[in-house]
Amino acid sequence: MRVLVACEFSGIVRDAFTAYGHEAWSVDLLPSELPGLHVQADIIDFLRRPWTPGHWDLMIAFPPCTYLARSGAQWWPGKQAEQLAALEFVRELAQANIPKIAIENPIGKLSSAWRKPDQIIQPWMFGHGQVKATCLWLYGLPALKPTLVVEGRKPTVHMAPDSKDRWKKRSRTLMGLAYAMAEQWGGCVKCHSSHTHNATRCGS
């Protein structure tokens, strides 16, 4: 399966799919933090390239939430143009000529200005004792099933200390969720046995 991970600089989701035997690419304006198949580009320009029909099987997109997340609502006044641009960016991602698409974003403006999410998940459903409600808008994909429900329920991500790279820490996908996406939406092409998110490499 050819997998496109849009707006990801961490390489975490990309590498989870790679571990399951897929050809996975990440695309972001920033360089990748981890070595792997990565294109440093604007994702909209990238999607507008003359791809052969069926080139991409799946796209998982993490559009910026600065003007969309409810947690940043105090910054919305006077930013209508930026918010409209952010909404249009998400709509264009959703209209990409790819049969399976997942779009991730926190609870916020998309639910009212676009449409309700198909699923709301939490890190504690996938092995991380944290609270961070995350919405998924799905096209051609099933809802994710929890892989490892744990105790904890701490808003660790939101309590991260202020720093110049705080936004990066908050935007990185947790490993448990990344492997759940790879296993449930991609499957393992290297083997027939089942693997959980804490495997370092599928088949190892």
N, C-alpha and C. Protein backbone atom coordinates (compact mmCIF):
# COMPACT_ATOMS: atom_id res chain seq x y z
N MET A 1 0.84 -1.20 0.00
CA MET A 1 0.00 0.00 0.00
C MET A 1 0.88 1.25 0.00
N ARG A 2 0.54 2.23 -0.80
CA ARG A 2 1.24 3.50 -0.81
C ARG A 2 0.50 4.48 0.09
N VAL A 3 1.18 4.94 1.11
CA VAL A 3 0.57 5.76 2.14
C VAL A 3 1.21 7.14 2.14
N LEU A 4 0.38 8.17 2.16
CA LEU A 4 0.82 9.54 2.21
C LEU A 4 0.42 10.12 3.56
N VAL A 5 1.40 10.59 4.32
CA VAL A 5 1.12 11.21 5.62
C VAL A 5 1.35 12.71 5.47
N ALA A 6 0.26 13.44 5.44
CA ALA A 6 0.31 14.87 5.14
C ALA A 6 0.50 15.69 6.41
N CYS A 7 1.32 16.72 6.29
CA CYS A 7 1.57 17.65 7.40
C CYS A 7 2.18 16.94 8.60
N GLU A 8 3.16 16.10 8.33
CA GLU A 8 3.88 15.41 9.41
C GLU A 8 5.38 15.62 9.25
N PHE A 9 5.99 16.25 10.26
CA PHE A 9 7.44 16.44 10.27
C PHE A 9 8.13 15.44 11.19
N SER A 10 7.36 14.79 12.08
CA SER A 10 7.97 13.89 13.05
C SER A 10 8.37 12.55 12.45
N GLY A 11 7.65 12.09 11.44
CA GLY A 11 7.92 10.79 10.83
C GLY A 11 7.35 9.62 11.62
N ILE A 12 6.60 9.89 12.68
CA ILE A 12 6.12 8.82 13.56
C ILE A 12 5.08 7.94 12.87
N VAL A 13 4.06 8.55 12.26
CA VAL A 13 3.02 7.77 11.58
C VAL A 13 3.61 7.12 10.33
N ARG A 14 4.39 7.88 9.60
CA ARG A 14 5.05 7.33 8.40
C ARG A 14 5.84 6.07 8.74
N ASP A 15 6.63 6.13 9.81
CA ASP A 15 7.48 5.00 10.17
C ASP A 15 6.67 3.82 10.70
N ALA A 16 5.52 4.08 11.31
CA ALA A 16 4.66 2.98 11.76
C ALA A 16 4.17 2.18 10.56
N PHE A 17 3.73 2.87 9.50
CA PHE A 17 3.30 2.16 8.29
C PHE A 17 4.47 1.47 7.61
N THR A 18 5.63 2.10 7.62
CA THR A 18 6.82 1.47 7.04
C THR A 18 7.15 0.18 7.78
N ALA A 19 6.99 0.20 9.11
CA ALA A 19 7.28 -0.99 9.91
C ALA A 19 6.35 -2.14 9.57
N TYR A 20 5.16 -1.82 9.08
CA TYR A 20 4.20 -2.85 8.68
C TYR A 20 4.34 -3.23 7.20
N GLY A 21 5.38 -2.74 6.56
CA GLY A 21 5.68 -3.18 5.21
C GLY A 21 5.13 -2.33 4.09
N HIS A 22 4.61 -1.14 4.40
CA HIS A 22 4.03 -0.28 3.37
C HIS A 22 5.05 0.75 2.88
N GLU A 23 4.79 1.28 1.70
CA GLU A 23 5.59 2.39 1.19
C GLU A 23 4.95 3.68 1.68
N ALA A 24 5.52 4.27 2.69
CA ALA A 24 4.92 5.44 3.33
C ALA A 24 5.81 6.65 3.18
N TRP A 25 5.18 7.76 2.80
CA TRP A 25 5.87 9.03 2.61
C TRP A 25 5.22 10.09 3.51
N SER A 26 6.04 10.94 4.09
CA SER A 26 5.52 12.10 4.81
C SER A 26 5.82 13.35 4.00
N VAL A 27 4.92 14.34 4.11
CA VAL A 27 5.08 15.61 3.40
C VAL A 27 4.81 16.74 4.39
N ASP A 28 5.73 17.68 4.46
CA ASP A 28 5.54 18.82 5.36
C ASP A 28 6.44 19.96 4.90
N LEU A 29 6.11 21.17 5.35
CA LEU A 29 6.95 22.32 5.04
C LEU A 29 8.30 22.22 5.76
N LEU A 30 8.33 21.47 6.87
CA LEU A 30 9.56 21.28 7.62
C LEU A 30 10.25 19.99 7.20
N PRO A 31 11.55 19.90 7.44
CA PRO A 31 12.23 18.63 7.18
C PRO A 31 11.79 17.59 8.20
N SER A 32 11.98 16.33 7.89
CA SER A 32 11.60 15.25 8.79
C SER A 32 12.58 15.16 9.95
N GLU A 33 12.04 14.90 11.14
CA GLU A 33 12.90 14.73 12.31
C GLU A 33 13.59 13.37 12.31
N LEU A 34 13.01 12.42 11.59
CA LEU A 34 13.57 11.07 11.52
C LEU A 34 13.91 10.75 10.07
N PRO A 35 14.96 9.96 9.84
CA PRO A 35 15.28 9.57 8.46
C PRO A 35 14.17 8.71 7.88
N GLY A 36 13.88 8.90 6.62
CA GLY A 36 12.83 8.14 5.97
C GLY A 36 12.37 8.85 4.70
N LEU A 37 11.35 8.31 4.07
CA LEU A 37 10.83 8.89 2.83
C LEU A 37 10.04 10.15 3.17
N HIS A 38 10.57 11.29 2.80
CA HIS A 38 9.96 12.57 3.17
C HIS A 38 10.14 13.58 2.05
N VAL A 39 9.10 14.37 1.81
CA VAL A 39 9.16 15.46 0.84
C VAL A 39 8.89 16.76 1.58
N GLN A 40 9.81 17.69 1.50
CA GLN A 40 9.63 18.99 2.13
C GLN A 40 8.95 19.91 1.12
N ALA A 41 7.64 20.06 1.29
CA ALA A 41 6.85 20.81 0.32
C ALA A 41 5.50 21.17 0.91
N ASP A 42 4.79 22.05 0.22
CA ASP A 42 3.41 22.36 0.56
C ASP A 42 2.54 21.19 0.11
N ILE A 43 1.75 20.64 1.00
CA ILE A 43 0.99 19.43 0.68
C ILE A 43 -0.04 19.68 -0.41
N ILE A 44 -0.62 20.86 -0.47
CA ILE A 44 -1.61 21.14 -1.51
C ILE A 44 -0.94 21.15 -2.88
N ASP A 45 0.21 21.79 -2.98
CA ASP A 45 0.96 21.77 -4.24
C ASP A 45 1.36 20.33 -4.59
N PHE A 46 1.74 19.56 -3.59
CA PHE A 46 2.13 18.17 -3.79
C PHE A 46 0.96 17.36 -4.34
N LEU A 47 -0.23 17.54 -3.78
CA LEU A 47 -1.40 16.80 -4.22
C LEU A 47 -1.85 17.21 -5.63
N ARG A 48 -1.51 18.41 -6.04
CA ARG A 48 -1.91 18.90 -7.36
C ARG A 48 -0.98 18.41 -8.47
N ARG A 49 0.04 17.69 -8.13
CA ARG A 49 0.90 17.13 -9.16
C ARG A 49 0.12 16.11 -9.99
N PRO A 50 0.52 15.89 -11.23
CA PRO A 50 -0.23 14.97 -12.10
C PRO A 50 0.03 13.51 -11.76
N TRP A 51 -0.50 13.08 -10.61
CA TRP A 51 -0.30 11.69 -10.20
C TRP A 51 -1.10 10.74 -11.06
N THR A 52 -0.57 9.56 -11.29
CA THR A 52 -1.32 8.51 -11.97
C THR A 52 -2.50 8.12 -11.08
N PRO A 53 -3.70 7.98 -11.65
CA PRO A 53 -4.85 7.56 -10.83
C PRO A 53 -4.53 6.30 -10.03
N GLY A 54 -4.84 6.34 -8.75
CA GLY A 54 -4.57 5.19 -7.90
C GLY A 54 -3.15 5.14 -7.36
N HIS A 55 -2.37 6.21 -7.58
CA HIS A 55 -0.99 6.20 -7.10
C HIS A 55 -0.94 6.07 -5.58
N TRP A 56 -1.79 6.83 -4.89
CA TRP A 56 -1.87 6.77 -3.44
C TRP A 56 -3.09 5.98 -3.02
N ASP A 57 -2.91 5.07 -2.07
CA ASP A 57 -4.01 4.25 -1.56
C ASP A 57 -4.65 4.87 -0.33
N LEU A 58 -3.87 5.57 0.45
CA LEU A 58 -4.33 6.09 1.74
C LEU A 58 -3.59 7.38 2.07
N MET A 59 -4.34 8.36 2.58
CA MET A 59 -3.72 9.58 3.09
C MET A 59 -4.22 9.83 4.50
N ILE A 60 -3.28 10.07 5.40
CA ILE A 60 -3.60 10.50 6.76
C ILE A 60 -3.05 11.91 6.90
N ALA A 61 -3.92 12.85 7.22
CA ALA A 61 -3.53 14.27 7.23
C ALA A 61 -3.68 14.87 8.62
N PHE A 62 -2.70 15.68 8.97
CA PHE A 62 -2.68 16.37 10.26
C PHE A 62 -2.60 17.88 10.02
N PRO A 63 -3.66 18.50 9.49
CA PRO A 63 -3.59 19.93 9.16
C PRO A 63 -3.38 20.78 10.41
N PRO A 64 -2.68 21.91 10.26
CA PRO A 64 -2.43 22.79 11.41
C PRO A 64 -3.74 23.21 12.07
N CYS A 65 -3.71 23.27 13.40
CA CYS A 65 -4.96 23.56 14.14
C CYS A 65 -4.95 24.93 14.80
N THR A 66 -3.97 25.77 14.47
CA THR A 66 -3.83 27.07 15.14
C THR A 66 -5.13 27.86 15.14
N TYR A 67 -5.83 27.90 14.02
CA TYR A 67 -7.06 28.68 13.91
C TYR A 67 -8.31 27.81 13.93
N LEU A 68 -8.15 26.54 14.34
CA LEU A 68 -9.27 25.62 14.32
C LEU A 68 -9.56 24.99 15.68
N ALA A 69 -8.54 24.79 16.50
CA ALA A 69 -8.72 24.10 17.78
C ALA A 69 -9.44 24.98 18.79
N ARG A 70 -10.36 24.39 19.52
CA ARG A 70 -11.11 25.13 20.54
C ARG A 70 -10.19 25.68 21.62
N SER A 71 -9.11 24.98 21.89
CA SER A 71 -8.17 25.43 22.92
C SER A 71 -7.53 26.77 22.59
N GLY A 72 -7.54 27.14 21.30
CA GLY A 72 -6.97 28.41 20.90
C GLY A 72 -8.00 29.45 20.50
N ALA A 73 -9.23 29.27 20.97
CA ALA A 73 -10.33 30.16 20.57
C ALA A 73 -10.08 31.62 20.95
N GLN A 74 -9.27 31.84 21.98
CA GLN A 74 -9.02 33.22 22.40
C GLN A 74 -8.25 34.00 21.34
N TRP A 75 -7.64 33.27 20.40
CA TRP A 75 -6.88 33.93 19.34
C TRP A 75 -7.70 34.11 18.06
N TRP A 76 -8.95 33.65 18.05
CA TRP A 76 -9.76 33.71 16.84
C TRP A 76 -10.22 35.13 16.47
N PRO A 77 -10.62 35.99 17.43
CA PRO A 77 -11.09 37.33 17.04
C PRO A 77 -10.07 38.08 16.19
N GLY A 78 -10.55 38.61 15.09
CA GLY A 78 -9.67 39.34 14.18
C GLY A 78 -8.87 38.45 13.24
N LYS A 79 -9.10 37.13 13.32
CA LYS A 79 -8.37 36.19 12.48
C LYS A 79 -9.31 35.43 11.54
N GLN A 80 -10.38 36.09 11.10
CA GLN A 80 -11.37 35.42 10.25
C GLN A 80 -10.75 34.94 8.95
N ALA A 81 -9.91 35.75 8.35
CA ALA A 81 -9.31 35.37 7.07
C ALA A 81 -8.43 34.14 7.24
N GLU A 82 -7.65 34.11 8.32
CA GLU A 82 -6.78 32.96 8.57
C GLU A 82 -7.60 31.70 8.85
N GLN A 83 -8.71 31.89 9.56
CA GLN A 83 -9.56 30.74 9.87
C GLN A 83 -10.24 30.20 8.62
N LEU A 84 -10.70 31.08 7.76
CA LEU A 84 -11.31 30.64 6.50
C LEU A 84 -10.29 29.89 5.64
N ALA A 85 -9.07 30.39 5.63
CA ALA A 85 -8.01 29.72 4.87
C ALA A 85 -7.72 28.33 5.44
N ALA A 86 -7.74 28.21 6.77
CA ALA A 86 -7.50 26.92 7.41
C ALA A 86 -8.62 25.94 7.08
N LEU A 87 -9.86 26.43 7.06
CA LEU A 87 -11.00 25.58 6.72
C LEU A 87 -10.92 25.11 5.27
N GLU A 88 -10.55 26.01 4.38
CA GLU A 88 -10.44 25.65 2.97
C GLU A 88 -9.31 24.65 2.75
N PHE A 89 -8.25 24.79 3.52
CA PHE A 89 -7.13 23.86 3.46
C PHE A 89 -7.59 22.45 3.80
N VAL A 90 -8.40 22.32 4.85
CA VAL A 90 -8.91 21.01 5.25
C VAL A 90 -9.85 20.45 4.19
N ARG A 91 -10.72 21.29 3.66
CA ARG A 91 -11.66 20.82 2.63
C ARG A 91 -10.91 20.30 1.40
N GLU A 92 -9.84 20.98 1.03
CA GLU A 92 -9.07 20.54 -0.14
C GLU A 92 -8.38 19.21 0.13
N LEU A 93 -7.90 19.01 1.35
CA LEU A 93 -7.32 17.72 1.70
C LEU A 93 -8.36 16.62 1.59
N ALA A 94 -9.58 16.90 2.07
CA ALA A 94 -10.64 15.90 2.06
C ALA A 94 -11.08 15.55 0.64
N GLN A 95 -10.86 16.46 -0.30
CA GLN A 95 -11.29 16.23 -1.68
C GLN A 95 -10.19 15.63 -2.55
N ALA A 96 -9.07 15.27 -1.94
CA ALA A 96 -7.97 14.67 -2.71
C ALA A 96 -8.44 13.39 -3.39
N ASN A 97 -7.88 13.11 -4.54
CA ASN A 97 -8.25 11.93 -5.33
C ASN A 97 -7.55 10.68 -4.78
N ILE A 98 -7.90 10.36 -3.55
CA ILE A 98 -7.32 9.21 -2.85
C ILE A 98 -8.48 8.45 -2.22
N PRO A 99 -8.58 7.14 -2.41
CA PRO A 99 -9.77 6.40 -1.96
C PRO A 99 -9.97 6.34 -0.45
N LYS A 100 -8.88 6.37 0.31
CA LYS A 100 -9.00 6.29 1.77
C LYS A 100 -8.30 7.50 2.38
N ILE A 101 -9.05 8.25 3.18
CA ILE A 101 -8.51 9.48 3.77
C ILE A 101 -8.93 9.57 5.23
N ALA A 102 -7.99 9.96 6.07
CA ALA A 102 -8.27 10.29 7.46
C ALA A 102 -7.71 11.67 7.74
N ILE A 103 -8.51 12.52 8.35
CA ILE A 103 -8.06 13.86 8.72
C ILE A 103 -8.18 14.00 10.23
N GLU A 104 -7.11 14.42 10.87
CA GLU A 104 -7.04 14.53 12.33
C GLU A 104 -6.99 15.98 12.74
N ASN A 105 -7.70 16.32 13.80
CA ASN A 105 -7.65 17.66 14.37
C ASN A 105 -8.28 17.64 15.75
N PRO A 106 -7.91 18.57 16.63
CA PRO A 106 -8.56 18.63 17.94
C PRO A 106 -10.02 19.08 17.81
N ILE A 107 -10.77 18.97 18.89
CA ILE A 107 -12.12 19.49 18.92
C ILE A 107 -12.07 21.00 18.67
N GLY A 108 -12.92 21.48 17.77
CA GLY A 108 -12.88 22.91 17.48
C GLY A 108 -13.81 23.31 16.36
N LYS A 109 -13.33 24.22 15.53
CA LYS A 109 -14.16 24.88 14.52
C LYS A 109 -14.64 23.94 13.42
N LEU A 110 -13.88 22.91 13.11
CA LEU A 110 -14.26 22.03 12.00
C LEU A 110 -15.63 21.38 12.23
N SER A 111 -15.95 21.06 13.48
CA SER A 111 -17.21 20.38 13.78
C SER A 111 -18.42 21.23 13.42
N SER A 112 -18.32 22.54 13.55
CA SER A 112 -19.45 23.42 13.27
C SER A 112 -19.39 24.03 11.88
N ALA A 113 -18.18 24.36 11.42
CA ALA A 113 -18.05 25.03 10.12
C ALA A 113 -17.92 24.06 8.97
N TRP A 114 -17.63 22.81 9.27
CA TRP A 114 -17.46 21.81 8.21
C TRP A 114 -18.44 20.67 8.44
N ARG A 115 -18.08 19.68 9.23
CA ARG A 115 -19.00 18.61 9.60
C ARG A 115 -18.53 17.92 10.87
N LYS A 116 -19.43 17.20 11.51
CA LYS A 116 -19.09 16.48 12.72
C LYS A 116 -18.06 15.39 12.41
N PRO A 117 -17.15 15.12 13.33
CA PRO A 117 -16.17 14.06 13.10
C PRO A 117 -16.82 12.69 13.14
N ASP A 118 -16.19 11.73 12.52
CA ASP A 118 -16.68 10.35 12.54
C ASP A 118 -16.30 9.65 13.84
N GLN A 119 -15.28 10.16 14.51
CA GLN A 119 -14.81 9.51 15.73
C GLN A 119 -14.01 10.51 16.56
N ILE A 120 -14.11 10.38 17.88
CA ILE A 120 -13.27 11.14 18.80
C ILE A 120 -12.52 10.13 19.66
N ILE A 121 -11.21 10.22 19.66
CA ILE A 121 -10.38 9.25 20.38
C ILE A 121 -9.56 9.96 21.46
N GLN A 122 -8.97 9.15 22.35
CA GLN A 122 -8.11 9.65 23.41
C GLN A 122 -6.83 8.82 23.45
N PRO A 123 -5.70 9.41 23.87
CA PRO A 123 -4.46 8.65 23.97
C PRO A 123 -4.56 7.43 24.87
N TRP A 124 -5.37 7.52 25.95
CA TRP A 124 -5.46 6.39 26.88
C TRP A 124 -6.14 5.16 26.27
N MET A 125 -6.71 5.31 25.09
CA MET A 125 -7.26 4.16 24.38
C MET A 125 -6.17 3.35 23.67
N PHE A 126 -4.98 3.95 23.57
CA PHE A 126 -3.90 3.35 22.78
C PHE A 126 -2.60 3.26 23.56
N GLY A 127 -2.72 3.05 24.87
CA GLY A 127 -1.54 2.78 25.68
C GLY A 127 -0.86 3.96 26.32
N HIS A 128 -1.42 5.17 26.21
CA HIS A 128 -0.80 6.36 26.79
C HIS A 128 -1.75 6.95 27.83
N GLY A 129 -1.29 7.09 29.07
CA GLY A 129 -2.15 7.60 30.13
C GLY A 129 -2.32 9.09 30.10
N GLN A 130 -2.85 9.60 29.02
CA GLN A 130 -3.03 11.04 28.84
C GLN A 130 -4.43 11.35 28.32
N VAL A 131 -4.80 12.61 28.48
CA VAL A 131 -6.08 13.09 27.96
C VAL A 131 -5.78 14.11 26.86
N LYS A 132 -6.28 13.85 25.68
CA LYS A 132 -6.20 14.80 24.57
C LYS A 132 -7.21 14.36 23.52
N ALA A 133 -8.42 14.91 23.62
CA ALA A 133 -9.48 14.53 22.69
C ALA A 133 -9.07 14.88 21.26
N THR A 134 -9.13 13.90 20.40
CA THR A 134 -8.71 14.07 19.01
C THR A 134 -9.82 13.58 18.09
N CYS A 135 -10.19 14.42 17.12
CA CYS A 135 -11.25 14.08 16.18
C CYS A 135 -10.67 13.47 14.91
N LEU A 136 -11.40 12.53 14.35
CA LEU A 136 -11.04 11.93 13.08
C LEU A 136 -12.20 12.04 12.11
N TRP A 137 -11.92 12.54 10.91
CA TRP A 137 -12.88 12.56 9.82
C TRP A 137 -12.41 11.51 8.82
N LEU A 138 -13.24 10.54 8.55
CA LEU A 138 -12.83 9.36 7.82
C LEU A 138 -13.56 9.19 6.50
N TYR A 139 -12.83 8.80 5.47
CA TYR A 139 -13.39 8.51 4.15
C TYR A 139 -12.85 7.15 3.71
N GLY A 140 -13.74 6.18 3.57
CA GLY A 140 -13.32 4.85 3.15
C GLY A 140 -12.56 4.07 4.20
N LEU A 141 -12.62 4.51 5.44
CA LEU A 141 -11.89 3.87 6.53
C LEU A 141 -12.83 3.58 7.70
N PRO A 142 -12.59 2.52 8.45
CA PRO A 142 -13.38 2.24 9.64
C PRO A 142 -12.88 3.06 10.82
N ALA A 143 -13.72 3.21 11.82
CA ALA A 143 -13.28 3.85 13.06
C ALA A 143 -12.19 3.00 13.71
N LEU A 144 -11.27 3.65 14.37
CA LEU A 144 -10.20 2.92 15.06
C LEU A 144 -10.74 2.23 16.31
N LYS A 145 -10.26 1.04 16.57
CA LYS A 145 -10.62 0.31 17.78
C LYS A 145 -9.51 0.51 18.81
N PRO A 146 -9.87 0.75 20.07
CA PRO A 146 -8.84 0.87 21.10
C PRO A 146 -7.95 -0.37 21.13
N THR A 147 -6.67 -0.16 21.34
CA THR A 147 -5.72 -1.28 21.37
C THR A 147 -5.26 -1.62 22.78
N LEU A 148 -5.16 -0.60 23.64
CA LEU A 148 -4.71 -0.83 25.02
C LEU A 148 -5.22 0.30 25.90
N VAL A 149 -6.34 0.07 26.58
CA VAL A 149 -6.92 1.07 27.47
C VAL A 149 -6.14 1.07 28.78
N VAL A 150 -5.64 2.23 29.17
CA VAL A 150 -4.81 2.33 30.37
C VAL A 150 -5.36 3.41 31.31
N GLU A 151 -4.91 3.35 32.56
CA GLU A 151 -5.25 4.39 33.53
C GLU A 151 -4.32 5.58 33.32
N GLY A 152 -4.65 6.66 34.00
CA GLY A 152 -3.81 7.86 33.88
C GLY A 152 -4.68 9.09 33.77
N ARG A 153 -5.12 9.35 32.56
CA ARG A 153 -6.01 10.46 32.29
C ARG A 153 -5.42 11.82 32.68
N LYS A 154 -4.14 12.02 32.43
CA LYS A 154 -3.51 13.30 32.73
C LYS A 154 -3.37 14.13 31.46
N PRO A 155 -3.69 15.43 31.54
CA PRO A 155 -3.54 16.29 30.35
C PRO A 155 -2.09 16.69 30.15
N THR A 156 -1.22 15.69 30.02
CA THR A 156 0.22 15.94 29.96
C THR A 156 0.60 16.86 28.81
N VAL A 157 0.01 16.65 27.67
CA VAL A 157 0.38 17.44 26.49
C VAL A 157 0.06 18.90 26.70
N HIS A 158 -1.12 19.20 27.27
CA HIS A 158 -1.52 20.59 27.45
C HIS A 158 -0.75 21.26 28.58
N MET A 159 -0.17 20.47 29.48
CA MET A 159 0.57 21.02 30.61
C MET A 159 2.06 21.19 30.30
N ALA A 160 2.43 20.94 29.08
CA ALA A 160 3.84 21.09 28.71
C ALA A 160 4.29 22.53 28.94
N PRO A 161 5.49 22.74 29.49
CA PRO A 161 5.96 24.10 29.77
C PRO A 161 6.14 24.91 28.50
N ASP A 162 5.97 26.22 28.65
CA ASP A 162 6.14 27.11 27.50
C ASP A 162 7.57 27.05 26.99
N SER A 163 7.69 26.96 25.68
CA SER A 163 8.99 26.98 25.02
C SER A 163 8.75 27.26 23.55
N LYS A 164 9.83 27.56 22.84
CA LYS A 164 9.67 27.91 21.43
C LYS A 164 9.22 26.72 20.58
N ASP A 165 9.47 25.50 21.07
CA ASP A 165 9.06 24.32 20.32
C ASP A 165 7.91 23.57 21.00
N ARG A 166 7.17 24.27 21.88
CA ARG A 166 6.04 23.64 22.57
C ARG A 166 5.02 23.12 21.57
N TRP A 167 4.79 23.87 20.49
CA TRP A 167 3.80 23.47 19.50
C TRP A 167 4.21 22.16 18.82
N LYS A 168 5.51 21.95 18.68
CA LYS A 168 5.97 20.70 18.09
C LYS A 168 5.67 19.52 19.01
N LYS A 169 5.93 19.69 20.29
CA LYS A 169 5.67 18.63 21.25
C LYS A 169 4.19 18.27 21.28
N ARG A 170 3.34 19.28 21.15
CA ARG A 170 1.89 19.05 21.20
C ARG A 170 1.36 18.42 19.92
N SER A 171 2.06 18.61 18.82
CA SER A 171 1.54 18.14 17.53
C SER A 171 2.01 16.74 17.15
N ARG A 172 3.02 16.23 17.84
CA ARG A 172 3.53 14.90 17.49
C ARG A 172 2.51 13.82 17.84
N THR A 173 2.28 12.91 16.92
CA THR A 173 1.37 11.79 17.16
C THR A 173 2.04 10.79 18.10
N LEU A 174 1.27 10.31 19.08
CA LEU A 174 1.81 9.33 20.02
C LEU A 174 1.98 7.98 19.33
N MET A 175 2.99 7.24 19.74
CA MET A 175 3.36 6.00 19.08
C MET A 175 2.22 4.98 19.07
N GLY A 176 1.50 4.88 20.18
CA GLY A 176 0.41 3.90 20.24
C GLY A 176 -0.65 4.14 19.20
N LEU A 177 -1.01 5.40 18.99
CA LEU A 177 -2.00 5.74 17.98
C LEU A 177 -1.45 5.49 16.58
N ALA A 178 -0.18 5.83 16.36
CA ALA A 178 0.43 5.62 15.05
C ALA A 178 0.39 4.15 14.65
N TYR A 179 0.73 3.26 15.59
CA TYR A 179 0.73 1.84 15.28
C TYR A 179 -0.68 1.29 15.13
N ALA A 180 -1.65 1.87 15.85
CA ALA A 180 -3.04 1.44 15.67
C ALA A 180 -3.51 1.79 14.26
N MET A 181 -3.16 2.97 13.77
CA MET A 181 -3.50 3.35 12.41
C MET A 181 -2.87 2.40 11.40
N ALA A 182 -1.59 2.12 11.60
CA ALA A 182 -0.88 1.25 10.65
C ALA A 182 -1.46 -0.15 10.65
N GLU A 183 -1.77 -0.69 11.82
CA GLU A 183 -2.27 -2.06 11.90
C GLU A 183 -3.70 -2.17 11.39
N GLN A 184 -4.56 -1.22 11.77
CA GLN A 184 -5.98 -1.33 11.45
C GLN A 184 -6.33 -0.77 10.07
N TRP A 185 -5.61 0.22 9.61
CA TRP A 185 -5.91 0.81 8.31
C TRP A 185 -5.01 0.30 7.20
N GLY A 186 -3.89 -0.27 7.56
CA GLY A 186 -2.97 -0.79 6.56
C GLY A 186 -2.81 -2.29 6.61
N GLY A 187 -2.68 -2.81 7.83
CA GLY A 187 -2.42 -4.24 7.98
C GLY A 187 -0.97 -4.55 7.73
N CYS A 188 -0.57 -5.72 8.10
CA CYS A 188 0.82 -6.14 7.95
C CYS A 188 0.99 -6.88 6.63
N VAL A 189 1.88 -6.39 5.81
CA VAL A 189 2.12 -7.06 4.53
C VAL A 189 3.35 -7.97 4.61
N LYS A 190 4.02 -7.98 5.75
CA LYS A 190 5.21 -8.81 5.91
C LYS A 190 4.90 -10.17 6.51
N CYS A 191 3.78 -10.26 7.22
CA CYS A 191 3.49 -11.50 7.93
C CYS A 191 1.98 -11.63 8.11
N HIS A 192 1.54 -12.75 8.62
CA HIS A 192 0.13 -13.00 8.82
C HIS A 192 -0.27 -12.92 10.28
N SER A 193 0.69 -12.87 11.18
CA SER A 193 0.37 -12.80 12.60
C SER A 193 0.02 -11.39 13.00
N SER A 194 -0.66 -11.25 14.15
CA SER A 194 -1.09 -9.95 14.65
C SER A 194 0.01 -9.32 15.48
N HIS A 195 0.12 -7.99 15.36
CA HIS A 195 1.13 -7.27 16.12
C HIS A 195 0.50 -6.09 16.81
N THR A 196 0.93 -5.79 18.01
CA THR A 196 0.42 -4.66 18.75
C THR A 196 1.31 -3.46 18.54
N HIS A 197 0.84 -2.31 19.02
CA HIS A 197 1.55 -1.06 18.75
C HIS A 197 2.91 -0.99 19.40
N ASN A 198 3.21 -1.83 20.40
CA ASN A 198 4.49 -1.71 21.07
C ASN A 198 5.57 -2.58 20.42
N ALA A 199 5.27 -3.20 19.30
CA ALA A 199 6.32 -3.93 18.58
C ALA A 199 7.25 -2.92 17.93
N THR A 200 8.54 -3.17 18.02
CA THR A 200 9.47 -2.22 17.43
C THR A 200 9.49 -2.32 15.91
N ARG A 201 9.27 -3.53 15.40
CA ARG A 201 9.20 -3.73 13.95
C ARG A 201 8.28 -4.90 13.67
N CYS A 202 7.42 -4.73 12.69
CA CYS A 202 6.52 -5.82 12.35
C CYS A 202 7.36 -7.02 11.89
N GLY A 203 7.08 -8.16 12.46
CA GLY A 203 7.80 -9.37 12.08
C GLY A 203 9.04 -9.62 12.89
N SER A 204 9.36 -8.70 13.80
CA SER A 204 10.58 -8.90 14.58
C SER A 204 10.30 -9.75 15.81
